[in-house]
N, C-alpha and C. Protein backbone atom coordinates (compact mmCIF):
# COMPACT_ATOMS: atom_id res chain seq x y z
N MET A 1 0.33 1.33 -2.01
CA MET A 1 0.85 2.93 -2.51
C MET A 1 1.86 2.61 -2.07
N TYR A 2 3.29 3.52 -2.48
CA TYR A 2 4.04 3.98 -2.22
C TYR A 2 4.56 5.26 -1.57
N CYS A 3 5.05 5.53 -0.87
CA CYS A 3 5.60 7.06 -0.42
C CYS A 3 6.50 7.56 -1.56
N ASN A 4 6.37 8.98 -1.85
CA ASN A 4 7.10 9.39 -3.15
C ASN A 4 8.40 10.20 -2.59
N TYR A 5 8.66 10.03 -0.99
CA TYR A 5 9.63 10.58 -0.80
C TYR A 5 10.76 9.48 0.23
N CYS A 6 10.39 8.85 0.66
CA CYS A 6 11.09 7.79 1.50
C CYS A 6 10.74 6.26 0.66
N GLY A 7 10.06 6.35 -0.10
CA GLY A 7 9.76 5.17 -0.96
C GLY A 7 9.21 3.72 -0.27
N LYS A 8 8.92 3.99 0.72
CA LYS A 8 8.47 2.45 1.79
C LYS A 8 7.08 2.47 1.33
N VAL A 9 6.42 1.51 1.68
CA VAL A 9 4.75 0.96 1.50
C VAL A 9 3.87 1.53 2.63
N ILE A 10 3.11 2.29 2.16
CA ILE A 10 2.07 2.56 3.19
C ILE A 10 0.51 2.13 2.78
N GLN A 11 0.11 2.62 3.68
CA GLN A 11 -1.76 2.31 3.59
C GLN A 11 -2.01 2.98 2.16
N ASP A 12 -3.45 2.29 1.71
CA ASP A 12 -3.40 3.13 0.35
C ASP A 12 -4.32 4.42 0.71
N ASP A 13 -5.19 4.56 1.80
CA ASP A 13 -5.82 5.59 2.22
C ASP A 13 -5.05 6.68 2.98
N ALA A 14 -3.70 6.60 3.28
CA ALA A 14 -2.72 6.91 4.17
C ALA A 14 -2.99 8.63 3.50
N ASN A 15 -3.08 9.38 4.68
CA ASN A 15 -3.00 10.92 4.56
C ASN A 15 -1.31 11.29 4.67
N VAL A 16 -0.55 10.70 5.27
CA VAL A 16 0.53 10.91 5.81
C VAL A 16 1.79 9.85 5.91
N CYS A 17 2.74 9.72 5.74
CA CYS A 17 3.67 8.59 5.77
C CYS A 17 3.83 8.50 7.09
N ALA A 18 3.63 6.75 7.32
CA ALA A 18 4.18 6.63 8.43
C ALA A 18 5.24 6.33 9.27
N TYR A 19 6.49 6.22 7.95
CA TYR A 19 8.17 6.56 8.17
C TYR A 19 8.76 7.76 7.73
N CYS A 20 8.07 8.66 7.20
CA CYS A 20 8.96 9.91 7.32
C CYS A 20 7.89 11.25 7.46
N GLY A 21 6.41 10.71 7.49
CA GLY A 21 6.03 11.75 8.18
C GLY A 21 5.22 12.90 7.06
N THR A 22 5.99 12.64 6.04
CA THR A 22 5.32 13.69 4.86
C THR A 22 4.26 13.41 4.02
N ARG A 23 3.16 14.48 3.99
CA ARG A 23 1.86 14.31 3.19
C ARG A 23 1.94 13.61 2.06
N VAL A 24 1.16 12.66 1.58
CA VAL A 24 0.97 12.06 0.43
C VAL A 24 -0.41 11.82 0.20
N GLY A 25 -0.55 11.26 -1.26
CA GLY A 25 -2.27 11.90 -1.61
C GLY A 25 -2.92 12.67 -1.59
N ALA A 26 -4.10 12.85 -1.83
CA ALA A 26 -5.09 14.14 -1.34
C ALA A 26 -5.04 15.12 -0.71
N VAL A 27 -3.94 14.93 0.25
CA VAL A 27 -4.05 16.07 1.28
C VAL A 27 -3.04 17.22 0.74
N LEU A 28 -2.45 17.00 -0.66
CA LEU A 28 -1.66 18.45 -0.70
C LEU A 28 -2.75 19.31 -1.86
N ALA A 29 -3.86 18.89 -2.22
CA ALA A 29 -4.78 19.50 -2.47
C ALA A 29 -5.47 20.63 -1.74
N ARG A 30 -5.37 20.09 -0.24
CA ARG A 30 -5.89 20.83 1.18
C ARG A 30 -5.18 21.85 1.49
N LYS A 31 -3.85 21.99 1.01
CA LYS A 31 -3.12 23.09 2.05
C LYS A 31 -3.57 24.74 1.71
N ARG A 32 -3.28 25.33 2.86
CA ARG A 32 -3.36 26.44 2.43
C ARG A 32 -2.41 27.23 2.85
N LEU A 33 -1.83 28.64 2.44
CA LEU A 33 -1.11 29.35 2.76
C LEU A 33 -1.21 29.85 3.84
N LEU A 34 -1.18 29.52 5.46
CA LEU A 34 -1.26 30.05 6.30
C LEU A 34 0.69 30.16 7.16
N ARG A 35 -0.05 31.22 8.39
CA ARG A 35 0.83 31.70 9.11
C ARG A 35 0.80 30.61 10.39
N PRO A 36 1.52 29.73 10.42
CA PRO A 36 1.11 28.85 12.16
C PRO A 36 1.26 29.45 13.28
N ARG A 37 0.60 29.43 14.12
CA ARG A 37 1.00 29.62 15.41
C ARG A 37 1.78 29.33 16.63
N ALA A 38 2.41 27.97 16.00
CA ALA A 38 3.40 27.54 16.40
C ALA A 38 4.56 27.39 15.81
N GLY A 39 5.55 27.63 16.13
CA GLY A 39 7.19 27.71 15.48
C GLY A 39 7.85 28.69 14.70
N ARG A 40 6.87 29.86 15.30
CA ARG A 40 7.19 31.22 14.45
C ARG A 40 8.25 31.63 15.30
N LYS A 41 9.30 32.46 14.67
CA LYS A 41 10.56 33.42 15.41
C LYS A 41 9.83 34.70 15.21
N ILE A 42 9.25 35.29 14.39
CA ILE A 42 8.77 36.78 14.40
C ILE A 42 7.20 36.52 13.87
N ALA A 43 7.00 36.64 12.91
CA ALA A 43 5.63 36.52 12.23
C ALA A 43 4.90 34.96 11.61
N GLY A 44 5.58 34.32 11.34
CA GLY A 44 5.34 33.15 10.73
C GLY A 44 5.42 32.88 9.65
N VAL A 45 6.03 33.65 8.63
CA VAL A 45 5.69 33.71 7.10
C VAL A 45 6.81 32.67 7.07
N CYS A 46 7.95 32.47 7.35
CA CYS A 46 9.02 31.76 7.03
C CYS A 46 8.38 30.34 7.27
N ALA A 47 7.99 29.98 8.34
CA ALA A 47 7.24 28.94 8.94
C ALA A 47 5.79 28.60 7.91
N GLY A 48 5.15 29.17 7.50
CA GLY A 48 4.28 29.10 6.70
C GLY A 48 4.45 28.79 5.48
N PHE A 49 5.94 29.52 4.70
CA PHE A 49 6.29 28.92 3.43
C PHE A 49 6.52 27.53 3.65
N ALA A 50 7.62 26.96 4.67
CA ALA A 50 7.92 26.02 4.87
C ALA A 50 7.10 24.68 4.95
N GLU A 51 5.88 25.39 5.47
CA GLU A 51 4.87 24.18 5.62
C GLU A 51 4.16 24.10 4.46
N TYR A 52 3.82 25.03 3.67
CA TYR A 52 3.01 25.20 2.51
C TYR A 52 3.87 24.22 0.84
N PHE A 53 5.13 24.76 1.27
CA PHE A 53 5.99 24.00 0.10
C PHE A 53 7.00 22.47 0.52
N ASP A 54 6.47 22.13 1.88
CA ASP A 54 7.03 21.08 2.27
C ASP A 54 8.53 21.02 2.50
N LEU A 55 9.30 22.33 2.97
CA LEU A 55 10.53 22.67 2.82
C LEU A 55 10.93 22.21 4.43
N ASP A 56 11.79 22.22 4.57
CA ASP A 56 13.12 22.84 5.87
C ASP A 56 12.65 23.95 6.36
N LEU A 57 12.09 24.14 7.49
CA LEU A 57 11.88 25.16 8.10
C LEU A 57 13.50 26.17 8.11
N THR A 58 14.34 25.64 8.25
CA THR A 58 16.10 26.40 8.96
C THR A 58 16.08 26.79 6.90
N LEU A 59 15.99 25.88 6.29
CA LEU A 59 16.77 26.22 4.91
C LEU A 59 15.70 27.65 4.47
N VAL A 60 14.39 27.53 4.72
CA VAL A 60 13.48 28.86 4.18
C VAL A 60 13.76 29.96 4.70
N ARG A 61 14.32 30.05 6.15
CA ARG A 61 14.72 30.57 6.61
C ARG A 61 16.25 31.77 6.65
N VAL A 62 17.00 30.65 6.20
CA VAL A 62 18.24 31.05 5.66
C VAL A 62 18.46 31.70 4.50
N VAL A 63 17.62 30.85 3.38
CA VAL A 63 17.61 31.94 2.55
C VAL A 63 16.58 33.07 2.26
N TRP A 64 15.80 32.84 3.31
CA TRP A 64 15.23 34.56 3.63
C TRP A 64 16.03 35.25 3.69
N LEU A 65 17.11 35.28 4.90
CA LEU A 65 17.82 36.11 5.44
C LEU A 65 19.11 36.32 4.75
N VAL A 66 19.90 35.38 3.70
CA VAL A 66 20.40 35.66 3.02
C VAL A 66 19.94 36.84 1.48
N SER A 67 18.55 36.58 1.28
CA SER A 67 17.98 37.06 0.41
C SER A 67 17.82 38.76 0.84
N VAL A 68 17.35 39.10 2.04
CA VAL A 68 17.57 40.28 2.60
C VAL A 68 18.43 41.18 2.30
N PHE A 69 19.43 40.47 2.92
CA PHE A 69 20.76 41.28 2.62
C PHE A 69 21.75 41.25 1.12
N LEU A 70 21.22 40.11 0.09
CA LEU A 70 21.98 40.24 -1.14
C LEU A 70 20.52 41.51 -1.77
N GLY A 71 19.73 41.28 -1.84
CA GLY A 71 18.60 42.10 -2.30
C GLY A 71 18.17 43.22 -2.32
N ALA A 72 19.02 44.08 -1.39
CA ALA A 72 18.68 45.42 -1.32
C ALA A 72 16.94 45.84 -0.64
N GLY A 73 17.10 45.10 0.65
CA GLY A 73 15.81 45.07 1.11
C GLY A 73 14.70 44.81 0.21
N LEU A 74 14.58 44.40 -0.96
CA LEU A 74 13.25 43.81 -1.43
C LEU A 74 12.44 42.70 -0.71
N SER A 75 13.48 42.05 -0.38
CA SER A 75 12.56 40.56 0.46
C SER A 75 12.17 41.17 2.15
N LEU A 76 12.76 42.40 2.51
CA LEU A 76 12.29 42.48 3.66
C LEU A 76 10.74 43.33 3.44
N ILE A 77 10.75 43.95 2.24
CA ILE A 77 9.42 44.42 2.23
C ILE A 77 8.73 43.33 1.75
N ALA A 78 9.18 42.30 0.91
CA ALA A 78 8.18 41.30 0.94
C ALA A 78 8.06 40.38 1.81
N TYR A 79 8.60 40.60 2.87
CA TYR A 79 8.37 39.97 4.21
C TYR A 79 7.15 40.36 4.77
N VAL A 80 7.46 42.03 4.93
CA VAL A 80 6.32 42.35 5.74
C VAL A 80 5.05 42.35 4.59
N VAL A 81 4.80 42.04 3.37
CA VAL A 81 3.66 42.20 2.96
C VAL A 81 2.85 40.73 3.29
N ALA A 82 3.99 39.99 3.01
CA ALA A 82 3.14 38.52 3.44
C ALA A 82 3.04 38.70 4.80
N TRP A 83 3.59 39.15 5.66
CA TRP A 83 3.01 39.37 6.78
C TRP A 83 1.59 39.78 6.80
N ILE A 84 1.38 40.99 6.29
CA ILE A 84 0.13 41.64 6.30
C ILE A 84 -1.26 40.77 5.59
N LEU A 85 -0.35 39.72 4.26
CA LEU A 85 -1.65 39.06 3.33
C LEU A 85 -1.64 38.05 3.94
N MET A 86 -0.87 36.96 4.67
CA MET A 86 -0.90 35.56 4.60
C MET A 86 -2.16 35.82 6.03
N PRO A 87 -2.72 34.68 5.66
CA PRO A 87 -3.92 34.94 7.15
C PRO A 87 -3.24 33.82 8.12
N GLU A 88 -3.55 34.04 9.53
CA GLU A 88 -3.11 33.27 10.26
C GLU A 88 -3.69 32.19 10.97
N GLU A 89 -3.16 31.08 11.25
CA GLU A 89 -3.93 30.19 11.30
C GLU A 89 -5.15 29.58 12.26
N PRO A 90 -6.36 28.89 11.82
CA PRO A 90 -7.42 29.27 13.31
C PRO A 90 -6.61 28.79 14.26
N LEU A 91 -7.42 29.38 15.69
CA LEU A 91 -7.32 28.38 16.88
C LEU A 91 -7.78 27.40 16.84
N ALA A 92 -7.47 26.44 17.76
CA ALA A 92 -7.92 25.04 17.89
C ALA A 92 -8.21 25.28 19.07
N LEU A 93 -10.21 24.99 18.88
CA LEU A 93 -10.83 25.03 20.24
C LEU A 93 -10.61 23.69 21.29
N PRO A 94 -10.41 23.90 22.62
CA PRO A 94 -9.96 22.75 23.48
C PRO A 94 -11.20 21.66 23.30
N THR A 95 -11.18 20.55 23.42
CA THR A 95 -11.84 19.46 23.52
C THR A 95 -11.98 19.25 25.05
N PRO A 96 -13.54 19.34 25.55
CA PRO A 96 -13.84 19.30 26.59
C PRO A 96 -13.32 18.01 26.98
N VAL A 97 -13.14 18.09 28.42
CA VAL A 97 -12.80 16.83 29.65
C VAL A 97 -13.73 15.88 29.65
N GLY A 98 -13.27 14.60 29.26
CA GLY A 98 -14.21 13.89 29.12
C GLY A 98 -14.82 13.02 27.64
N GLN A 99 -14.64 14.08 26.73
CA GLN A 99 -14.93 13.50 25.56
C GLN A 99 -13.77 13.10 24.50
N GLN A 100 -14.27 12.19 23.46
CA GLN A 100 -13.35 11.97 22.62
C GLN A 100 -13.61 12.18 21.57
N VAL A 101 -12.32 12.29 20.34
CA VAL A 101 -12.31 13.43 19.38
C VAL A 101 -12.23 12.09 17.98
N THR A 102 -13.29 12.61 17.37
CA THR A 102 -13.86 11.23 16.37
C THR A 102 -13.56 11.63 15.02
N ASN A 103 -12.77 10.88 14.25
CA ASN A 103 -12.71 11.56 12.57
C ASN A 103 -13.69 11.09 11.55
N PRO A 104 -14.32 11.95 11.07
CA PRO A 104 -15.80 11.43 10.53
C PRO A 104 -14.68 10.38 9.13
């Protein structure tokens, strides 16, 4: 199988490209629009959209900021609505010391 983004050969059962780190295959269907707990500046709305659409986080933030100034505040209202409606990423439970995490 080939990665659609970097064009390199990857394993047939790979979920992520080992070369560029992009999601491939069936993992795309399992993505949900969530506000991540890490990497957020205000509420994580831009980080959530960047992760969902697989875009650069800085690009999403700049586009959103420009649209706030050019859109007469409608983008700011949309940000607040997205902040309220987008669920937050669930907390990761810590692994007890001495146990290994296995993937089924």
